[in-house]
Amino acid sequence: MADQTQGRGGDSAPPDITTIIDTASPFPPIRRIGMFRPFTWLRLGWDDFRESGSASIFYGICFAAMGLILNLVLSHAPQYVSALSCGFLLIGPLLALGLYDISRRIENVRSGLLGSVFSMRGRWSNIGVLALVLAVILMVWARASLVIFALFYNKGMPTMHGFLTQLFSLNNLEFILVYACIGFIFASIVFAISWVSIPMMLDRDSDAITSMIISCVALFINVPATIVWALIIVSFVVLGFMTWSLGFIIAMPVIGHATWHAYKEVVGNAADRR
C-alpha cells in the first residue's frame, strides 16, 4: 500500500487523503478522501468558474436554456416534466464534458471555449459507449416514471398550476415513496458509473468499461464523501429548477469544474496531479 501522495500542484496531500491502491497496479491509484472534501472541490470549481469567465457562463446559459425549453415545450404534460427533470440528473455528467475540459485547460495553462466544445474529438468511441448507457438508463427511467404515475398517483395527472404542491401533498404519500425509491435506484446507478469516469476518459483516453469500473470502485471506497457530493449536486439542481432554471447559469458550471477536481483528487498519483 502506498503512502500519502502529493496533492494539486505538487503540494503535500491533505491529511484526509490517502492512496489505498498500490501504484504498481495496472489501474490508476485510487485515494480515500475525507467526508467533507467535496466542499474543497466546490471552492476549486468556483475558482475555475471565475478564471474561465465567459466560457463557463456559455455552458451555464446552455443548461438554463435546456431547463426553460423543457418547461415550455412540456407545459401541458407535467408528468413528462417530472420524468425529464429527474432525467436531467442522469445525463448531467455527460453534458458537463466541456466544463471538465475547461478545468483541464486551466491546469495546463491553456484556455479557449472552442477547444472545450470539441473536447470529444478523438474520444467518440469511448465516451459514446457511456453516452449510450446513460441514454438507455434515461429512457428506462422515463418509462418507469410514467408507469409509477399511472399506478400510484391517485388524483389523475397533475396540472401545471401548483404542480409541486399537488405532486407532493400528503394525499399522495404512497406515490412519493415509490417515486423516490425508484428514482434513487436509477440515480445511484448513474452516479456510481459516471462521477469520475467521464473526466477520466477525457484525461486518460481510457475505455468506457474500465472507466465505469474505476468509478464504481472509487465510490465504494469513498462512500461518506460521495454521499455528501451527491447531496450537494442534488441541492444545486433543485435550486436551479426553483429559480426557473436561471440558477443553472452559475450552479452547473461550478459543479462541472468541481467534478474535474473530484476526479483529480480521487484517481491518479502525484505525477498526474502535477
Protein backbone atom coordinates (compact mmCIF):
# COMPACT_ATOMS: atom_id res chain seq x y z
CA MET A 1 0.00 0.00 0.00
CA ALA A 2 1.34 3.35 -1.00
CA ASP A 3 1.95 6.25 1.33
CA GLN A 4 0.18 9.56 1.02
CA THR A 5 0.81 11.14 -2.35
CA GLN A 6 1.16 14.75 -3.30
CA GLY A 7 -1.83 16.94 -3.99
CA ARG A 8 -2.66 19.57 -6.58
CA GLY A 9 0.31 21.45 -7.83
CA GLY A 10 2.78 19.12 -6.12
CA ASP A 11 1.85 20.12 -2.56
CA SER A 12 1.70 17.54 0.19
CA ALA A 13 -1.66 15.81 0.26
CA PRO A 14 -4.06 16.93 3.00
CA PRO A 15 -4.24 14.56 5.95
CA ASP A 16 -7.73 13.37 4.92
CA ILE A 17 -6.47 11.92 1.61
CA THR A 18 -4.58 8.62 1.32
CA THR A 19 -3.71 6.37 -1.59
CA ILE A 20 -5.15 2.91 -0.99
CA ILE A 21 -4.49 1.09 -4.28
CA ASP A 22 -0.84 0.37 -4.97
CA THR A 23 0.75 2.37 -7.77
CA ALA A 24 2.09 -0.87 -9.25
CA SER A 25 -1.48 -1.82 -10.22
CA PRO A 26 -2.33 -1.68 -13.95
CA PHE A 27 -5.18 0.63 -12.98
CA PRO A 28 -4.58 4.20 -11.79
CA PRO A 29 -4.30 4.56 -7.99
CA ILE A 30 -7.48 5.40 -6.13
CA ARG A 31 -7.36 7.51 -3.00
CA ARG A 32 -9.58 7.59 0.08
CA ILE A 33 -10.69 11.11 0.85
CA GLY A 34 -12.29 12.79 3.85
CA MET A 35 -16.06 13.05 4.13
CA PHE A 36 -16.16 16.83 3.72
CA ARG A 37 -13.60 17.04 0.92
CA PRO A 38 -16.37 17.82 -1.63
CA PHE A 39 -16.61 21.34 -0.20
CA THR A 40 -12.98 21.85 -1.25
CA TRP A 41 -13.93 20.72 -4.75
CA LEU A 42 -16.66 23.34 -4.76
CA ARG A 43 -14.16 26.03 -3.85
CA LEU A 44 -11.81 24.89 -6.62
CA GLY A 45 -14.75 24.75 -9.03
CA TRP A 46 -15.68 28.31 -8.12
CA ASP A 47 -12.07 29.40 -8.73
CA ASP A 48 -12.17 27.81 -12.19
CA PHE A 49 -15.52 29.44 -12.90
CA ARG A 50 -14.12 32.87 -12.09
CA GLU A 51 -10.94 32.25 -14.06
CA SER A 52 -12.64 30.90 -17.18
CA GLY A 53 -15.22 33.68 -17.30
CA SER A 54 -17.38 33.69 -20.43
CA ALA A 55 -16.51 30.12 -21.40
CA SER A 56 -18.13 28.69 -18.26
CA ILE A 57 -21.05 31.12 -18.45
CA PHE A 58 -21.71 29.89 -22.01
CA TYR A 59 -22.24 26.37 -20.71
CA GLY A 60 -24.33 27.68 -17.82
CA ILE A 61 -26.60 29.52 -20.26
CA CYS A 62 -26.95 26.29 -22.27
CA PHE A 63 -28.06 24.41 -19.15
CA ALA A 64 -30.52 27.18 -18.24
CA ALA A 65 -31.90 27.24 -21.79
CA MET A 66 -32.47 23.48 -21.71
CA GLY A 67 -34.40 23.80 -18.47
CA LEU A 68 -36.55 26.65 -19.80
CA ILE A 69 -37.25 24.84 -23.08
CA LEU A 70 -38.18 21.71 -21.15
CA ASN A 71 -40.78 23.61 -19.14
CA LEU A 72 -42.17 25.48 -22.15
CA VAL A 73 -42.45 22.54 -24.54
CA LEU A 74 -43.98 20.22 -21.95
CA SER A 75 -46.14 22.80 -20.19
CA HIS A 76 -49.26 20.70 -20.86
CA ALA A 77 -47.68 17.41 -19.80
CA PRO A 78 -46.31 17.84 -16.27
CA GLN A 79 -45.82 14.10 -15.84
CA TYR A 80 -43.17 14.30 -18.55
CA VAL A 81 -41.63 17.36 -16.93
CA SER A 82 -41.07 15.47 -13.69
CA ALA A 83 -39.59 12.48 -15.52
CA LEU A 84 -37.21 14.55 -17.64
CA SER A 85 -36.31 16.90 -14.79
CA CYS A 86 -35.07 13.88 -12.85
CA GLY A 87 -33.50 12.63 -16.07
CA PHE A 88 -31.54 15.87 -16.11
CA LEU A 89 -29.57 14.43 -13.19
CA LEU A 90 -28.94 11.22 -15.12
CA ILE A 91 -27.29 12.78 -18.18
CA GLY A 92 -25.81 15.84 -16.44
CA PRO A 93 -22.32 14.28 -16.10
CA LEU A 94 -22.15 13.86 -19.86
CA LEU A 95 -23.50 17.34 -20.63
CA ALA A 96 -20.77 18.84 -18.45
CA LEU A 97 -17.97 17.37 -20.58
CA GLY A 98 -16.93 20.77 -21.90
CA LEU A 99 -16.64 22.12 -18.36
CA TYR A 100 -14.26 19.31 -17.42
CA ASP A 101 -12.13 20.26 -20.41
CA ILE A 102 -12.07 23.91 -19.37
CA SER A 103 -10.71 22.94 -15.94
CA ARG A 104 -8.17 20.65 -17.59
CA ARG A 105 -7.02 23.52 -19.82
CA ILE A 106 -6.73 25.86 -16.84
CA GLU A 107 -4.43 23.34 -15.13
CA ASN A 108 -2.32 23.18 -18.29
CA VAL A 109 -2.25 26.98 -18.71
CA ARG A 110 -4.43 26.82 -21.79
CA SER A 111 -7.80 28.34 -22.47
CA GLY A 112 -10.47 28.68 -25.09
CA LEU A 113 -14.15 27.93 -25.39
CA LEU A 114 -13.81 26.46 -28.87
CA GLY A 115 -11.41 23.74 -27.74
CA SER A 116 -13.74 22.67 -24.93
CA VAL A 117 -16.70 22.38 -27.32
CA PHE A 118 -14.73 19.85 -29.38
CA SER A 119 -13.24 18.06 -26.38
CA MET A 120 -14.77 14.74 -27.50
CA ARG A 121 -12.69 14.79 -30.68
CA GLY A 122 -10.72 11.54 -30.87
CA ARG A 123 -12.72 10.05 -28.00
CA TRP A 124 -16.05 9.44 -29.68
CA SER A 125 -15.91 5.67 -29.33
CA ASN A 126 -15.09 5.63 -25.62
CA ILE A 127 -17.37 8.43 -24.47
CA GLY A 128 -20.02 7.31 -26.96
CA VAL A 129 -20.36 3.95 -25.19
CA LEU A 130 -21.03 5.66 -21.86
CA ALA A 131 -23.38 8.12 -23.57
CA LEU A 132 -25.34 5.16 -24.95
CA VAL A 133 -25.53 3.56 -21.50
CA LEU A 134 -26.81 6.82 -19.98
CA ALA A 135 -29.33 7.25 -22.80
CA VAL A 136 -30.73 3.76 -22.22
CA ILE A 137 -31.00 4.39 -18.48
CA LEU A 138 -32.76 7.70 -19.18
CA MET A 139 -35.30 6.02 -21.48
CA VAL A 140 -35.98 3.25 -18.97
CA TRP A 141 -36.40 5.84 -16.21
CA ALA A 142 -38.80 7.91 -18.32
CA ARG A 143 -40.96 4.84 -18.92
CA ALA A 144 -40.77 3.78 -15.27
CA SER A 145 -41.75 7.30 -14.18
CA LEU A 146 -44.90 7.23 -16.31
CA VAL A 147 -45.83 3.76 -15.02
CA ILE A 148 -45.43 4.97 -11.42
CA PHE A 149 -47.68 7.94 -12.18
CA ALA A 150 -50.30 5.65 -13.69
CA LEU A 151 -50.25 3.17 -10.81
CA PHE A 152 -49.76 5.30 -7.73
CA TYR A 153 -50.83 8.88 -8.41
CA ASN A 154 -54.41 8.83 -7.12
CA LYS A 155 -55.65 12.23 -8.27
CA GLY A 156 -55.32 11.85 -12.01
CA MET A 157 -52.48 13.53 -13.84
CA PRO A 158 -51.43 16.81 -12.16
CA THR A 159 -51.79 20.16 -13.87
CA MET A 160 -49.03 22.75 -14.18
CA HIS A 161 -50.86 25.04 -11.75
CA GLY A 162 -49.40 24.31 -8.33
CA PHE A 163 -47.62 21.28 -9.77
CA LEU A 164 -45.24 20.63 -6.88
CA THR A 165 -47.94 21.29 -4.28
CA GLN A 166 -50.22 18.73 -5.92
CA LEU A 167 -47.45 16.26 -6.52
CA PHE A 168 -46.01 16.18 -3.02
CA SER A 169 -49.15 16.60 -0.95
CA LEU A 170 -49.80 14.15 1.89
CA ASN A 171 -52.63 12.68 -0.14
CA ASN A 172 -50.01 11.21 -2.46
CA LEU A 173 -47.69 9.79 0.18
CA GLU A 174 -47.60 6.31 -1.36
CA PHE A 175 -46.74 7.79 -4.75
CA ILE A 176 -43.97 9.94 -3.24
CA LEU A 177 -42.35 6.95 -1.52
CA VAL A 178 -42.43 4.73 -4.61
CA TYR A 179 -41.28 7.53 -6.93
CA ALA A 180 -38.41 8.48 -4.59
CA CYS A 181 -37.26 4.87 -4.13
CA ILE A 182 -37.25 4.04 -7.85
CA GLY A 183 -35.65 7.38 -8.69
CA PHE A 184 -32.98 6.79 -6.06
CA ILE A 185 -32.08 3.45 -7.67
CA PHE A 186 -31.67 4.97 -11.13
CA ALA A 187 -29.76 7.99 -9.81
CA SER A 188 -27.43 5.79 -7.74
CA ILE A 189 -26.55 3.63 -10.75
CA VAL A 190 -25.77 6.64 -12.91
CA PHE A 191 -23.82 8.40 -10.17
CA ALA A 192 -21.74 5.28 -9.47
CA ILE A 193 -20.70 4.74 -13.10
CA SER A 194 -20.15 8.38 -14.04
CA TRP A 195 -18.97 10.50 -11.12
CA VAL A 196 -15.30 10.25 -12.16
CA SER A 197 -15.49 8.13 -15.34
CA ILE A 198 -16.16 10.88 -17.88
CA PRO A 199 -13.34 13.16 -16.65
CA MET A 200 -11.11 10.08 -16.64
CA MET A 201 -11.91 9.28 -20.28
CA LEU A 202 -11.22 12.89 -21.19
CA ASP A 203 -7.93 12.97 -19.28
CA ARG A 204 -6.55 9.49 -19.96
CA ASP A 205 -8.46 8.41 -23.08
CA SER A 206 -9.39 5.22 -21.22
CA ASP A 207 -12.14 2.92 -22.45
CA ALA A 208 -15.67 3.21 -21.12
CA ILE A 209 -15.81 -0.14 -19.31
CA THR A 210 -12.56 0.45 -17.40
CA SER A 211 -13.63 3.98 -16.51
CA MET A 212 -17.02 2.85 -15.20
CA ILE A 213 -15.42 0.09 -13.12
CA ILE A 214 -12.92 2.52 -11.58
CA SER A 215 -15.74 4.99 -10.93
CA CYS A 216 -17.72 2.31 -9.04
CA VAL A 217 -14.66 1.21 -7.06
CA ALA A 218 -13.85 4.83 -6.16
CA LEU A 219 -17.42 5.29 -4.93
CA PHE A 220 -17.36 2.22 -2.68
CA ILE A 221 -14.01 3.33 -1.25
CA ASN A 222 -15.34 6.83 -0.55
CA VAL A 223 -18.98 6.27 0.43
CA PRO A 224 -19.22 9.10 3.03
CA ALA A 225 -17.64 11.68 0.71
CA THR A 226 -19.72 10.58 -2.30
CA ILE A 227 -22.93 10.85 -0.27
CA VAL A 228 -22.02 14.43 0.61
CA TRP A 229 -21.08 15.14 -3.00
CA ALA A 230 -24.34 13.64 -4.34
CA LEU A 231 -26.39 15.72 -1.89
CA ILE A 232 -24.56 18.87 -2.99
CA ILE A 233 -25.28 18.11 -6.64
CA VAL A 234 -28.96 17.40 -5.99
CA SER A 235 -29.23 20.62 -3.95
CA PHE A 236 -27.74 22.65 -6.79
CA VAL A 237 -30.08 21.08 -9.34
CA VAL A 238 -33.15 21.68 -7.16
CA LEU A 239 -32.02 25.27 -6.62
CA GLY A 240 -31.65 25.66 -10.37
CA PHE A 241 -35.20 24.48 -11.07
CA MET A 242 -36.59 26.59 -8.23
CA THR A 243 -35.15 29.71 -9.90
CA TRP A 244 -36.81 28.94 -13.25
CA SER A 245 -33.53 27.39 -14.44
CA LEU A 246 -31.66 30.70 -14.13
CA GLY A 247 -29.62 29.32 -11.23
CA PHE A 248 -28.07 26.83 -13.65
CA ILE A 249 -26.06 29.65 -15.21
CA ILE A 250 -23.76 29.57 -12.19
CA ALA A 251 -24.60 26.31 -10.43
CA MET A 252 -23.90 23.86 -13.24
CA PRO A 253 -20.52 25.31 -14.32
CA VAL A 254 -19.32 25.29 -10.70
CA ILE A 255 -20.46 21.67 -10.27
CA GLY A 256 -18.83 20.72 -13.58
CA HIS A 257 -15.49 22.26 -12.65
CA ALA A 258 -15.69 20.78 -9.16
CA THR A 259 -16.27 17.32 -10.67
CA TRP A 260 -12.98 17.64 -12.51
CA HIS A 261 -11.19 18.33 -9.24
CA ALA A 262 -13.01 15.42 -7.63
CA TYR A 263 -11.59 13.15 -10.31
CA LYS A 264 -8.09 14.58 -9.99
CA GLU A 265 -8.04 14.04 -6.24
CA VAL A 266 -9.59 10.56 -6.25
CA VAL A 267 -7.93 8.96 -9.29
CA GLY A 268 -4.22 9.03 -10.13
CA ASN A 269 -0.87 9.59 -8.48
CA ALA A 270 1.25 12.63 -7.64
CA ALA A 271 2.75 12.84 -11.13
CA ASP A 272 -0.75 13.00 -12.66
CA ARG A 273 -1.71 15.85 -10.35
CA ARG A 274 1.34 17.84 -11.41
